[in-house]
C-alpha cells in the first residue's frame, strides 16, 4: 500500500514491520499491510480489503537514512519501487 492512497470515508489499516541491522549502518526491512475501507463507518467490516507488502534496504548516512524498497499490493499488479533520502514525517 503506497504512502498516499485515495480511499472511502472510513478506513482501518494494520501494519507489521520487521527491521534487522545486517552490518554497521545497513538494515533490511520486511513490511506487511492490511486494510479495509468503506464509505459507511457502521458497515466498515463489509468493505473492500487492501493488502500489500514490501522488502527494503536502508543505509544510515550523514544526510539521514537512504532507503530503497520494492513492494506489491492488490491495488496494482506491478512491482513498485520507492526510494527515499532523509527522514519521513
N, C-alpha and C. Protein backbone atom coordinates (compact mmCIF):
# COMPACT_ATOMS: atom_id res chain seq x y z
N UNK A 1 0.87 -1.16 0.00
CA UNK A 1 0.00 0.00 0.00
C UNK A 1 0.91 1.22 0.00
N UNK A 2 0.70 2.09 -0.96
CA UNK A 2 1.56 3.26 -1.09
C UNK A 2 1.37 4.23 0.07
N UNK A 3 2.24 5.22 0.13
CA UNK A 3 2.17 6.22 1.21
C UNK A 3 0.93 7.09 1.08
N UNK A 4 0.43 7.31 -0.13
CA UNK A 4 -0.77 8.12 -0.33
C UNK A 4 -1.74 7.31 -1.19
N UNK A 5 -2.90 7.02 -0.67
CA UNK A 5 -3.94 6.30 -1.40
C UNK A 5 -5.25 7.06 -1.21
N UNK A 6 -6.07 7.11 -2.25
CA UNK A 6 -7.40 7.72 -2.16
C UNK A 6 -8.38 6.60 -1.80
N UNK A 7 -9.05 6.75 -0.66
CA UNK A 7 -9.95 5.73 -0.16
C UNK A 7 -11.30 6.34 0.16
N UNK A 8 -12.19 5.50 0.68
CA UNK A 8 -13.52 5.96 1.08
C UNK A 8 -13.43 6.74 2.40
N UNK A 9 -14.61 7.07 2.96
CA UNK A 9 -14.67 7.89 4.18
C UNK A 9 -14.12 7.20 5.42
N UNK A 10 -14.19 5.86 5.48
CA UNK A 10 -13.74 5.13 6.67
C UNK A 10 -12.71 4.09 6.26
N UNK A 11 -11.64 4.02 7.03
CA UNK A 11 -10.57 3.06 6.73
C UNK A 11 -9.90 2.61 8.03
N UNK A 12 -9.51 1.35 8.07
CA UNK A 12 -8.73 0.78 9.17
C UNK A 12 -7.55 0.06 8.53
N UNK A 13 -6.34 0.34 9.02
CA UNK A 13 -5.13 -0.27 8.46
C UNK A 13 -4.28 -0.83 9.58
N UNK A 14 -3.74 -2.03 9.37
CA UNK A 14 -2.80 -2.65 10.31
C UNK A 14 -1.49 -2.89 9.57
N UNK A 15 -0.38 -2.68 10.28
CA UNK A 15 0.95 -2.85 9.67
C UNK A 15 1.84 -3.65 10.61
N UNK A 16 2.59 -4.57 10.02
CA UNK A 16 3.62 -5.30 10.74
C UNK A 16 4.93 -5.06 10.00
N UNK A 17 5.93 -4.55 10.73
CA UNK A 17 7.21 -4.22 10.10
C UNK A 17 8.34 -4.83 10.91
N UNK A 18 9.19 -5.59 10.23
CA UNK A 18 10.35 -6.20 10.85
C UNK A 18 11.60 -5.56 10.25
N UNK A 19 12.50 -5.09 11.11
CA UNK A 19 13.73 -4.44 10.65
C UNK A 19 14.91 -5.10 11.34
N UNK A 20 15.93 -5.42 10.57
CA UNK A 20 17.12 -6.08 11.11
C UNK A 20 18.38 -5.38 10.61
N UNK A 21 19.26 -5.04 11.55
CA UNK A 21 20.55 -4.49 11.15
C UNK A 21 21.42 -5.65 10.70
N UNK A 22 21.99 -5.54 9.49
CA UNK A 22 22.80 -6.64 8.97
C UNK A 22 24.29 -6.38 9.15
N UNK A 23 24.70 -5.11 9.22
CA UNK A 23 26.11 -4.77 9.47
C UNK A 23 26.22 -3.26 9.59
N UNK A 24 26.85 -2.79 10.65
CA UNK A 24 27.09 -1.35 10.80
C UNK A 24 25.84 -0.52 10.62
N UNK A 25 25.79 0.29 9.58
CA UNK A 25 24.66 1.18 9.29
C UNK A 25 23.72 0.61 8.23
N UNK A 26 23.75 -0.68 7.96
CA UNK A 26 22.95 -1.32 6.92
C UNK A 26 21.79 -2.10 7.54
N UNK A 27 20.60 -1.91 6.98
CA UNK A 27 19.39 -2.54 7.50
C UNK A 27 18.56 -3.14 6.37
N UNK A 28 17.84 -4.22 6.67
CA UNK A 28 16.82 -4.73 5.76
C UNK A 28 15.48 -4.66 6.49
N UNK A 29 14.42 -4.44 5.72
CA UNK A 29 13.09 -4.27 6.30
C UNK A 29 12.08 -5.10 5.52
N UNK A 30 11.22 -5.81 6.23
CA UNK A 30 10.11 -6.56 5.65
C UNK A 30 8.83 -5.99 6.25
N UNK A 31 7.90 -5.56 5.39
CA UNK A 31 6.68 -4.89 5.84
C UNK A 31 5.46 -5.57 5.24
N UNK A 32 4.41 -5.73 6.04
CA UNK A 32 3.12 -6.22 5.58
C UNK A 32 2.02 -5.28 6.05
N UNK A 33 1.06 -4.99 5.16
CA UNK A 33 -0.06 -4.10 5.47
C UNK A 33 -1.37 -4.80 5.11
N UNK A 34 -2.41 -4.53 5.90
CA UNK A 34 -3.76 -4.99 5.57
C UNK A 34 -4.73 -3.90 5.99
N UNK A 35 -5.71 -3.63 5.14
CA UNK A 35 -6.69 -2.60 5.46
C UNK A 35 -8.06 -2.93 4.89
N UNK A 36 -9.07 -2.27 5.45
CA UNK A 36 -10.45 -2.37 4.97
C UNK A 36 -10.98 -0.95 4.85
N UNK A 37 -11.71 -0.66 3.75
CA UNK A 37 -12.30 0.68 3.61
C UNK A 37 -13.72 0.58 3.08
N UNK A 38 -14.54 1.56 3.49
CA UNK A 38 -15.94 1.62 3.10
C UNK A 38 -16.42 3.05 3.32
N UNK A 39 -17.42 3.48 2.57
CA UNK A 39 -18.00 4.81 2.77
C UNK A 39 -18.80 4.90 4.07
N UNK A 40 -19.39 3.79 4.52
CA UNK A 40 -20.23 3.77 5.71
C UNK A 40 -19.45 3.18 6.89
N UNK A 41 -19.20 3.97 7.92
CA UNK A 41 -18.43 3.51 9.07
C UNK A 41 -19.07 2.30 9.74
N UNK A 42 -20.39 2.26 9.82
CA UNK A 42 -21.08 1.18 10.52
C UNK A 42 -21.07 -0.12 9.74
N UNK A 43 -20.68 -0.10 8.48
CA UNK A 43 -20.54 -1.31 7.65
C UNK A 43 -19.09 -1.46 7.18
N UNK A 44 -18.16 -0.95 7.95
CA UNK A 44 -16.75 -0.94 7.57
C UNK A 44 -16.22 -2.35 7.33
N UNK A 45 -16.59 -3.31 8.16
CA UNK A 45 -16.09 -4.68 8.01
C UNK A 45 -16.61 -5.37 6.76
N UNK A 46 -17.63 -4.80 6.11
CA UNK A 46 -18.15 -5.34 4.86
C UNK A 46 -17.50 -4.68 3.64
N UNK A 47 -16.55 -3.78 3.88
CA UNK A 47 -15.92 -3.01 2.81
C UNK A 47 -14.90 -3.80 2.01
N UNK A 48 -14.23 -3.08 1.14
CA UNK A 48 -13.20 -3.67 0.28
C UNK A 48 -11.90 -3.78 1.07
N UNK A 49 -11.17 -4.86 0.82
CA UNK A 49 -9.91 -5.06 1.55
C UNK A 49 -8.72 -4.65 0.70
N UNK A 50 -7.67 -4.26 1.39
CA UNK A 50 -6.39 -3.89 0.79
C UNK A 50 -5.31 -4.73 1.45
N UNK A 51 -4.33 -5.14 0.70
CA UNK A 51 -3.17 -5.78 1.29
C UNK A 51 -1.94 -5.40 0.50
N UNK A 52 -0.82 -5.44 1.14
CA UNK A 52 0.43 -5.13 0.46
C UNK A 52 1.62 -5.54 1.30
N UNK A 53 2.75 -5.64 0.65
CA UNK A 53 3.97 -5.99 1.34
C UNK A 53 5.17 -5.40 0.63
N UNK A 54 6.27 -5.29 1.35
CA UNK A 54 7.48 -4.74 0.73
C UNK A 54 8.72 -5.32 1.39
N UNK A 55 9.81 -5.24 0.64
CA UNK A 55 11.13 -5.62 1.11
C UNK A 55 12.07 -4.48 0.77
N UNK A 56 12.83 -4.02 1.76
CA UNK A 56 13.67 -2.86 1.52
C UNK A 56 15.04 -2.96 2.16
N UNK A 57 15.91 -2.07 1.70
CA UNK A 57 17.27 -1.94 2.22
C UNK A 57 17.46 -0.48 2.61
N UNK A 58 18.15 -0.22 3.72
CA UNK A 58 18.40 1.15 4.16
C UNK A 58 19.84 1.27 4.66
N UNK A 59 20.38 2.48 4.47
CA UNK A 59 21.71 2.81 4.96
C UNK A 59 21.61 4.12 5.72
N UNK A 60 22.11 4.16 6.94
CA UNK A 60 22.10 5.39 7.74
C UNK A 60 23.28 6.26 7.32
N UNK A 61 22.99 7.31 6.54
CA UNK A 61 24.04 8.20 6.06
C UNK A 61 24.07 9.48 6.88
N UNK A 62 25.01 10.36 6.60
CA UNK A 62 25.10 11.65 7.28
C UNK A 62 23.87 12.50 6.99
N UNK A 63 23.30 12.38 5.79
CA UNK A 63 22.12 13.16 5.39
C UNK A 63 20.82 12.54 5.88
N UNK A 64 20.89 11.44 6.60
CA UNK A 64 19.70 10.73 7.03
C UNK A 64 19.64 9.38 6.35
N UNK A 65 18.61 8.61 6.62
CA UNK A 65 18.53 7.28 6.03
C UNK A 65 18.33 7.33 4.52
N UNK A 66 19.08 6.52 3.80
CA UNK A 66 18.91 6.32 2.36
C UNK A 66 18.32 4.93 2.19
N UNK A 67 17.12 4.85 1.61
CA UNK A 67 16.45 3.55 1.51
C UNK A 67 15.90 3.31 0.11
N UNK A 68 15.82 2.05 -0.24
CA UNK A 68 15.21 1.59 -1.49
C UNK A 68 14.30 0.43 -1.14
N UNK A 69 13.06 0.47 -1.64
CA UNK A 69 12.06 -0.52 -1.28
C UNK A 69 11.33 -1.01 -2.52
N UNK A 70 11.11 -2.32 -2.59
CA UNK A 70 10.28 -2.94 -3.61
C UNK A 70 9.03 -3.46 -2.92
N UNK A 71 7.85 -3.21 -3.52
CA UNK A 71 6.61 -3.65 -2.90
C UNK A 71 5.54 -4.03 -3.90
N UNK A 72 4.52 -4.71 -3.40
CA UNK A 72 3.37 -5.11 -4.21
C UNK A 72 2.11 -4.94 -3.37
N UNK A 73 0.98 -4.76 -4.05
CA UNK A 73 -0.31 -4.69 -3.36
C UNK A 73 -1.39 -5.22 -4.29
N UNK A 74 -2.59 -5.40 -3.73
CA UNK A 74 -3.69 -5.86 -4.57
C UNK A 74 -4.32 -4.72 -5.37
N UNK A 75 -3.86 -3.49 -5.20
CA UNK A 75 -4.36 -2.36 -5.99
C UNK A 75 -3.57 -2.15 -7.27
N UNK A 76 -2.43 -2.83 -7.40
CA UNK A 76 -1.58 -2.67 -8.57
C UNK A 76 -0.88 -4.01 -8.82
N UNK A 77 -0.94 -4.51 -10.03
CA UNK A 77 -0.35 -5.82 -10.33
C UNK A 77 1.14 -5.74 -10.64
N UNK A 78 1.70 -4.55 -10.65
CA UNK A 78 3.12 -4.37 -10.98
C UNK A 78 3.96 -4.22 -9.71
N UNK A 79 5.21 -4.64 -9.80
CA UNK A 79 6.16 -4.42 -8.73
C UNK A 79 6.44 -2.93 -8.63
N UNK A 80 6.36 -2.37 -7.44
CA UNK A 80 6.56 -0.93 -7.24
C UNK A 80 7.92 -0.68 -6.60
N UNK A 81 8.52 0.47 -6.91
CA UNK A 81 9.82 0.85 -6.37
C UNK A 81 9.69 2.20 -5.70
N UNK A 82 10.29 2.34 -4.52
CA UNK A 82 10.25 3.59 -3.78
C UNK A 82 11.65 3.85 -3.24
N UNK A 83 12.15 5.07 -3.45
CA UNK A 83 13.47 5.44 -2.94
C UNK A 83 13.32 6.67 -2.07
N UNK A 84 14.07 6.73 -0.97
CA UNK A 84 13.91 7.81 -0.01
C UNK A 84 15.27 8.23 0.52
N UNK A 85 15.46 9.54 0.68
CA UNK A 85 16.64 10.08 1.34
C UNK A 85 16.16 11.03 2.42
N UNK A 86 16.53 10.79 3.66
CA UNK A 86 16.10 11.63 4.77
C UNK A 86 14.96 10.99 5.54
N UNK A 87 14.56 11.66 6.59
CA UNK A 87 13.52 11.14 7.48
C UNK A 87 12.14 11.43 6.91
N UNK A 88 11.19 10.48 7.07
CA UNK A 88 9.81 10.67 6.65
C UNK A 88 9.03 11.26 7.81
N UNK A 89 8.19 12.26 7.53
CA UNK A 89 7.40 12.91 8.57
C UNK A 89 5.94 12.62 8.36
